[in-house]
PDB file of N, CA and C in Angstrom:
ATOM      1  N   MET A   1      11.667 -44.657  -7.854  1.00  0.00           N
ATOM      2  CA  MET A   1      10.886 -44.211  -6.721  1.00  0.00           C
ATOM      3  C   MET A   1       9.672 -43.447  -7.231  1.00  0.00           C
ATOM      4  N   ALA A   2       8.520 -43.931  -6.951  1.00  0.00           N
ATOM      5  CA  ALA A   2       7.285 -43.321  -7.427  1.00  0.00           C
ATOM      6  C   ALA A   2       6.721 -42.365  -6.375  1.00  0.00           C
ATOM      7  N   PHE A   3       6.126 -41.310  -6.860  1.00  0.00           N
ATOM      8  CA  PHE A   3       5.484 -40.366  -5.951  1.00  0.00           C
ATOM      9  C   PHE A   3       4.098 -40.881  -5.597  1.00  0.00           C
ATOM     10  N   ARG A   4       3.721 -40.659  -4.339  1.00  0.00           N
ATOM     11  CA  ARG A   4       2.374 -41.038  -3.934  1.00  0.00           C
ATOM     12  C   ARG A   4       1.390 -40.005  -4.482  1.00  0.00           C
ATOM     13  N   PRO A   5       0.185 -40.419  -4.781  1.00  0.00           N
ATOM     14  CA  PRO A   5      -0.805 -39.433  -5.244  1.00  0.00           C
ATOM     15  C   PRO A   5      -1.089 -38.420  -4.136  1.00  0.00           C
ATOM     16  N   SER A   6      -1.254 -37.148  -4.520  1.00  0.00           N
ATOM     17  CA  SER A   6      -1.475 -36.125  -3.496  1.00  0.00           C
ATOM     18  C   SER A   6      -2.865 -36.274  -2.881  1.00  0.00           C
ATOM     19  N   HIS A   7      -2.908 -35.979  -1.631  1.00  0.00           N
ATOM     20  CA  HIS A   7      -4.134 -36.098  -0.857  1.00  0.00           C
ATOM     21  C   HIS A   7      -5.046 -34.922  -1.177  1.00  0.00           C
ATOM     22  N   GLU A   8      -6.323 -35.104  -0.953  1.00  0.00           N
ATOM     23  CA  GLU A   8      -7.316 -34.068  -1.228  1.00  0.00           C
ATOM     24  C   GLU A   8      -7.072 -32.840  -0.359  1.00  0.00           C
ATOM     25  N   LEU A   9      -6.566 -33.046   0.840  1.00  0.00           N
ATOM     26  CA  LEU A   9      -6.261 -31.935   1.739  1.00  0.00           C
ATOM     27  C   LEU A   9      -5.190 -31.024   1.133  1.00  0.00           C
ATOM     28  N   HIS A  10      -4.198 -31.606   0.474  1.00  0.00           N
ATOM     29  CA  HIS A  10      -3.140 -30.808  -0.137  1.00  0.00           C
ATOM     30  C   HIS A  10      -3.678 -29.967  -1.292  1.00  0.00           C
ATOM     31  N   LYS A  11      -4.632 -30.490  -2.014  1.00  0.00           N
ATOM     32  CA  LYS A  11      -5.229 -29.728  -3.118  1.00  0.00           C
ATOM     33  C   LYS A  11      -5.994 -28.522  -2.585  1.00  0.00           C
ATOM     34  N   ARG A  12      -6.744 -28.708  -1.497  1.00  0.00           N
ATOM     35  CA  ARG A  12      -7.481 -27.597  -0.904  1.00  0.00           C
ATOM     36  C   ARG A  12      -6.519 -26.562  -0.325  1.00  0.00           C
ATOM     37  N   ARG A  13      -5.469 -27.030   0.329  1.00  0.00           N
ATOM     38  CA  ARG A  13      -4.489 -26.119   0.923  1.00  0.00           C
ATOM     39  C   ARG A  13      -3.788 -25.321  -0.175  1.00  0.00           C
ATOM     40  N   PHE A  14      -3.456 -25.965  -1.287  1.00  0.00           N
ATOM     41  CA  PHE A  14      -2.819 -25.261  -2.403  1.00  0.00           C
ATOM     42  C   PHE A  14      -3.752 -24.185  -2.944  1.00  0.00           C
ATOM     43  N   SER A  15      -5.036 -24.495  -3.023  1.00  0.00           N
ATOM     44  CA  SER A  15      -6.005 -23.525  -3.530  1.00  0.00           C
ATOM     45  C   SER A  15      -6.056 -22.297  -2.623  1.00  0.00           C
ATOM     46  N   ARG A  16      -6.069 -22.528  -1.313  1.00  0.00           N
ATOM     47  CA  ARG A  16      -6.084 -21.401  -0.376  1.00  0.00           C
ATOM     48  C   ARG A  16      -4.784 -20.613  -0.450  1.00  0.00           C
ATOM     49  N   ASN A  17      -3.663 -21.311  -0.512  1.00  0.00           N
ATOM     50  CA  ASN A  17      -2.375 -20.628  -0.598  1.00  0.00           C
ATOM     51  C   ASN A  17      -2.276 -19.802  -1.874  1.00  0.00           C
ATOM     52  N   LEU A  18      -2.797 -20.317  -2.948  1.00  0.00           N
ATOM     53  CA  LEU A  18      -2.791 -19.578  -4.205  1.00  0.00           C
ATOM     54  C   LEU A  18      -3.641 -18.311  -4.077  1.00  0.00           C
ATOM     55  N   GLY A  19      -4.784 -18.416  -3.446  1.00  0.00           N
ATOM     56  CA  GLY A  19      -5.639 -17.243  -3.230  1.00  0.00           C
ATOM     57  C   GLY A  19      -4.962 -16.188  -2.375  1.00  0.00           C
ATOM     58  N   VAL A  20      -4.328 -16.620  -1.292  1.00  0.00           N
ATOM     59  CA  VAL A  20      -3.615 -15.674  -0.426  1.00  0.00           C
ATOM     60  C   VAL A  20      -2.445 -15.050  -1.175  1.00  0.00           C
ATOM     61  N   GLY A  21      -1.731 -15.847  -1.956  1.00  0.00           N
ATOM     62  CA  GLY A  21      -0.605 -15.325  -2.730  1.00  0.00           C
ATOM     63  C   GLY A  21      -1.034 -14.307  -3.769  1.00  0.00           C
ATOM     64  N   LEU A  22      -2.130 -14.574  -4.453  1.00  0.00           N
ATOM     65  CA  LEU A  22      -2.633 -13.627  -5.451  1.00  0.00           C
ATOM     66  C   LEU A  22      -3.132 -12.340  -4.801  1.00  0.00           C
ATOM     67  N   THR A  23      -3.761 -12.470  -3.635  1.00  0.00           N
ATOM     68  CA  THR A  23      -4.219 -11.284  -2.911  1.00  0.00           C
ATOM     69  C   THR A  23      -3.031 -10.442  -2.460  1.00  0.00           C
ATOM     70  N   LEU A  24      -2.002 -11.087  -1.958  1.00  0.00           N
ATOM     71  CA  LEU A  24      -0.796 -10.368  -1.549  1.00  0.00           C
ATOM     72  C   LEU A  24      -0.127  -9.691  -2.742  1.00  0.00           C
ATOM     73  N   ALA A  25      -0.049 -10.378  -3.859  1.00  0.00           N
ATOM     74  CA  ALA A  25       0.545  -9.797  -5.065  1.00  0.00           C
ATOM     75  C   ALA A  25      -0.261  -8.593  -5.550  1.00  0.00           C
ATOM     76  N   ALA A  26      -1.589  -8.678  -5.469  1.00  0.00           N
ATOM     77  CA  ALA A  26      -2.437  -7.549  -5.873  1.00  0.00           C
ATOM     78  C   ALA A  26      -2.214  -6.355  -4.947  1.00  0.00           C
ATOM     79  N   PHE A  27      -2.063  -6.599  -3.656  1.00  0.00           N
ATOM     80  CA  PHE A  27      -1.817  -5.521  -2.708  1.00  0.00           C
ATOM     81  C   PHE A  27      -0.470  -4.852  -2.981  1.00  0.00           C
ATOM     82  N   VAL A  28       0.549  -5.647  -3.230  1.00  0.00           N
ATOM     83  CA  VAL A  28       1.878  -5.109  -3.529  1.00  0.00           C
ATOM     84  C   VAL A  28       1.828  -4.285  -4.816  1.00  0.00           C
ATOM     85  N   ALA A  29       1.114  -4.782  -5.818  1.00  0.00           N
ATOM     86  CA  ALA A  29       0.986  -4.042  -7.081  1.00  0.00           C
ATOM     87  C   ALA A  29       0.251  -2.720  -6.867  1.00  0.00           C
ATOM     88  N   LEU A  30      -0.770  -2.717  -6.022  1.00  0.00           N
ATOM     89  CA  LEU A  30      -1.517  -1.492  -5.733  1.00  0.00           C
ATOM     90  C   LEU A  30      -0.622  -0.469  -5.034  1.00  0.00           C
ATOM     91  N   VAL A  31       0.127  -0.890  -4.032  1.00  0.00           N
ATOM     92  CA  VAL A  31       1.026   0.029  -3.323  1.00  0.00           C
ATOM     93  C   VAL A  31       2.095   0.560  -4.275  1.00  0.00           C
ATOM     94  N   PHE A  32       2.630  -0.305  -5.125  1.00  0.00           N
ATOM     95  CA  PHE A  32       3.641   0.127  -6.096  1.00  0.00           C
ATOM     96  C   PHE A  32       3.051   1.155  -7.070  1.00  0.00           C
ATOM     97  N   ALA A  33       1.848   0.885  -7.567  1.00  0.00           N
ATOM     98  CA  ALA A  33       1.213   1.809  -8.510  1.00  0.00           C
ATOM     99  C   ALA A  33       0.948   3.164  -7.854  1.00  0.00           C
ATOM    100  N   LEU A  34       0.459   3.155  -6.624  1.00  0.00           N
ATOM    101  CA  LEU A  34       0.218   4.420  -5.927  1.00  0.00           C
ATOM    102  C   LEU A  34       1.519   5.185  -5.695  1.00  0.00           C
ATOM    103  N   THR A  35       2.586   4.471  -5.411  1.00  0.00           N
ATOM    104  CA  THR A  35       3.881   5.114  -5.218  1.00  0.00           C
ATOM    105  C   THR A  35       4.375   5.736  -6.521  1.00  0.00           C
ATOM    106  N   VAL A  36       4.238   5.022  -7.618  1.00  0.00           N
ATOM    107  CA  VAL A  36       4.677   5.550  -8.916  1.00  0.00           C
ATOM    108  C   VAL A  36       3.875   6.790  -9.279  1.00  0.00           C
ATOM    109  N   VAL A  37       2.581   6.764  -9.064  1.00  0.00           N
ATOM    110  CA  VAL A  37       1.740   7.928  -9.382  1.00  0.00           C
ATOM    111  C   VAL A  37       2.127   9.111  -8.508  1.00  0.00           C
ATOM    112  N   LYS A  38       2.352   8.871  -7.231  1.00  0.00           N
ATOM    113  CA  LYS A  38       2.726   9.950  -6.321  1.00  0.00           C
ATOM    114  C   LYS A  38       4.053  10.574  -6.740  1.00  0.00           C
ATOM    115  N   VAL A  39       5.022   9.760  -7.122  1.00  0.00           N
ATOM    116  CA  VAL A  39       6.333  10.280  -7.515  1.00  0.00           C
ATOM    117  C   VAL A  39       6.236  11.022  -8.844  1.00  0.00           C
ATOM    118  N   LYS A  40       5.472  10.499  -9.787  1.00  0.00           N
ATOM    119  CA  LYS A  40       5.379  11.135 -11.111  1.00  0.00           C
ATOM    120  C   LYS A  40       4.615  12.451 -11.072  1.00  0.00           C
ATOM    121  N   ARG A  41       3.694  12.621 -10.121  1.00  0.00           N
ATOM    122  CA  ARG A  41       2.951  13.883 -10.026  1.00  0.00           C
ATOM    123  C   ARG A  41       3.865  15.035  -9.655  1.00  0.00           C
ATOM    124  N   GLY A  42       4.923  14.736  -8.944  1.00  0.00           N
ATOM    125  CA  GLY A  42       5.890  15.770  -8.596  1.00  0.00           C
ATOM    126  C   GLY A  42       5.494  16.596  -7.393  1.00  0.00           C
ATOM    127  N   ASP A  43       4.468  16.214  -6.661  1.00  0.00           N
ATOM    128  CA  ASP A  43       4.091  16.943  -5.458  1.00  0.00           C
ATOM    129  C   ASP A  43       5.212  16.825  -4.433  1.00  0.00           C
ATOM    130  N   PRO A  44       5.442  17.905  -3.710  1.00  0.00           N
ATOM    131  CA  PRO A  44       6.481  17.791  -2.672  1.00  0.00           C
ATOM    132  C   PRO A  44       6.040  16.811  -1.593  1.00  0.00           C
ATOM    133  N   MET A  45       6.920  15.904  -1.272  1.00  0.00           N
ATOM    134  CA  MET A  45       6.600  14.924  -0.244  1.00  0.00           C
ATOM    135  C   MET A  45       7.077  15.470   1.087  1.00  0.00           C
ATOM    136  N   GLN A  46       6.169  15.591   2.039  1.00  0.00           N
ATOM    137  CA  GLN A  46       6.518  16.152   3.329  1.00  0.00           C
ATOM    138  C   GLN A  46       6.266  15.116   4.405  1.00  0.00           C
ATOM    139  N   GLY A  47       7.215  14.994   5.272  1.00  0.00           N
ATOM    140  CA  GLY A  47       7.059  14.112   6.420  1.00  0.00           C
ATOM    141  C   GLY A  47       6.978  14.944   7.675  1.00  0.00           C
ATOM    142  N   TYR A  48       6.513  14.353   8.723  1.00  0.00           N
ATOM    143  CA  TYR A  48       6.439  15.052   9.996  1.00  0.00           C
ATOM    144  C   TYR A  48       7.806  14.961  10.656  1.00  0.00           C
ATOM    145  N   ASP A  49       8.507  16.095  10.706  1.00  0.00           N
ATOM    146  CA  ASP A  49       9.857  16.084  11.264  1.00  0.00           C
ATOM    147  C   ASP A  49       9.967  16.955  12.507  1.00  0.00           C
ATOM    148  N   HIS A  50       8.866  17.194  13.191  1.00  0.00           N
ATOM    149  CA  HIS A  50       8.821  17.937  14.452  1.00  0.00           C
ATOM    150  C   HIS A  50       9.311  19.373  14.291  1.00  0.00           C
ATOM    151  N   VAL A  51       9.082  19.945  13.131  1.00  0.00           N
ATOM    152  CA  VAL A  51       9.446  21.327  12.870  1.00  0.00           C
ATOM    153  C   VAL A  51       8.210  22.020  12.323  1.00  0.00           C
ATOM    154  N   ILE A  52       7.981  23.251  12.766  1.00  0.00           N
ATOM    155  CA  ILE A  52       6.829  24.002  12.256  1.00  0.00           C
ATOM    156  C   ILE A  52       7.067  24.316  10.788  1.00  0.00           C
ATOM    157  N   GLN A  53       6.107  23.955   9.963  1.00  0.00           N
ATOM    158  CA  GLN A  53       6.206  24.214   8.536  1.00  0.00           C
ATOM    159  C   GLN A  53       5.402  25.467   8.228  1.00  0.00           C
ATOM    160  N   PRO A  54       6.005  26.445   7.573  1.00  0.00           N
ATOM    161  CA  PRO A  54       5.311  27.715   7.325  1.00  0.00           C
ATOM    162  C   PRO A  54       3.996  27.549   6.572  1.00  0.00           C
ATOM    163  N   GLN A  55       3.903  26.601   5.667  1.00  0.00           N
ATOM    164  CA  GLN A  55       2.669  26.439   4.907  1.00  0.00           C
ATOM    165  C   GLN A  55       1.535  25.853   5.752  1.00  0.00           C
ATOM    166  N   SER A  56       1.852  25.353   6.946  1.00  0.00           N
ATOM    167  CA  SER A  56       0.819  24.787   7.813  1.00  0.00           C
ATOM    168  C   SER A  56       0.252  25.806   8.784  1.00  0.00           C
ATOM    169  N   VAL A  57       0.922  26.934   8.950  1.00  0.00           N
ATOM    170  CA  VAL A  57       0.482  27.964   9.890  1.00  0.00           C
ATOM    171  C   VAL A  57      -0.544  28.845   9.189  1.00  0.00           C
ATOM    172  N   PRO A  58      -1.721  29.037   9.810  1.00  0.00           N
ATOM    173  CA  PRO A  58      -2.732  29.897   9.175  1.00  0.00           C
ATOM    174  C   PRO A  58      -2.270  31.364   9.143  1.00  0.00           C
ATOM    175  N   THR A  59      -2.587  32.018   8.045  1.00  0.00           N
ATOM    176  CA  THR A  59      -2.220  33.423   7.907  1.00  0.00           C
ATOM    177  C   THR A  59      -3.346  34.295   8.458  1.00  0.00           C
ATOM    178  N   PRO A  60      -3.049  35.548   8.815  1.00  0.00           N
ATOM    179  CA  PRO A  60      -4.090  36.409   9.375  1.00  0.00           C
ATOM    180  C   PRO A  60      -5.252  36.671   8.431  1.00  0.00           C
ATOM    181  N   ASP A  61      -5.028  36.664   7.118  1.00  0.00           N
ATOM    182  CA  ASP A  61      -6.123  36.923   6.184  1.00  0.00           C
ATOM    183  C   ASP A  61      -7.085  35.752   6.083  1.00  0.00           C
ATOM    184  N   GLN A  62      -6.677  34.558   6.525  1.00  0.00           N
ATOM    185  CA  GLN A  62      -7.606  33.427   6.534  1.00  0.00           C
ATOM    186  C   GLN A  62      -8.629  33.594   7.640  1.00  0.00           C
ATOM    187  N   GLY A  63      -8.206  34.140   8.764  1.00  0.00           N
ATOM    188  CA  GLY A  63      -9.112  34.408   9.864  1.00  0.00           C
ATOM    189  C   GLY A  63      -9.712  33.146  10.464  1.00  0.00           C
ATOM    190  N   ASP A  64     -10.583  33.362  11.419  1.00  0.00           N
ATOM    191  CA  ASP A  64     -11.271  32.250  12.075  1.00  0.00           C
ATOM    192  C   ASP A  64     -12.656  32.127  11.449  1.00  0.00           C
ATOM    193  N   LYS A  65     -12.856  31.091  10.693  1.00  0.00           N
ATOM    194  CA  LYS A  65     -14.132  30.933   9.974  1.00  0.00           C
ATOM    195  C   LYS A  65     -15.170  30.199  10.826  1.00  0.00           C
ATOM    196  N   GLY A  66     -14.877  29.939  12.079  1.00  0.00           N
ATOM    197  CA  GLY A  66     -15.770  29.163  12.921  1.00  0.00           C
ATOM    198  C   GLY A  66     -16.691  29.935  13.755  1.00  0.00           C
TER     199      GLY A  66
END
């Protein structure tokens, strides 16, 4: 059983799919790299948990600079 030669449309579609796949892979690599850097820096990771965080409340010595 012989394979039929691929159509020109399939070659163009493969080229586009390859471009989209490489772009997606680059995005995933970027997010992964940013995550690794954030974790390695050791900064405390804070999420919004509907609780007042003391470090977010302005102190009286900061005053109103406006």
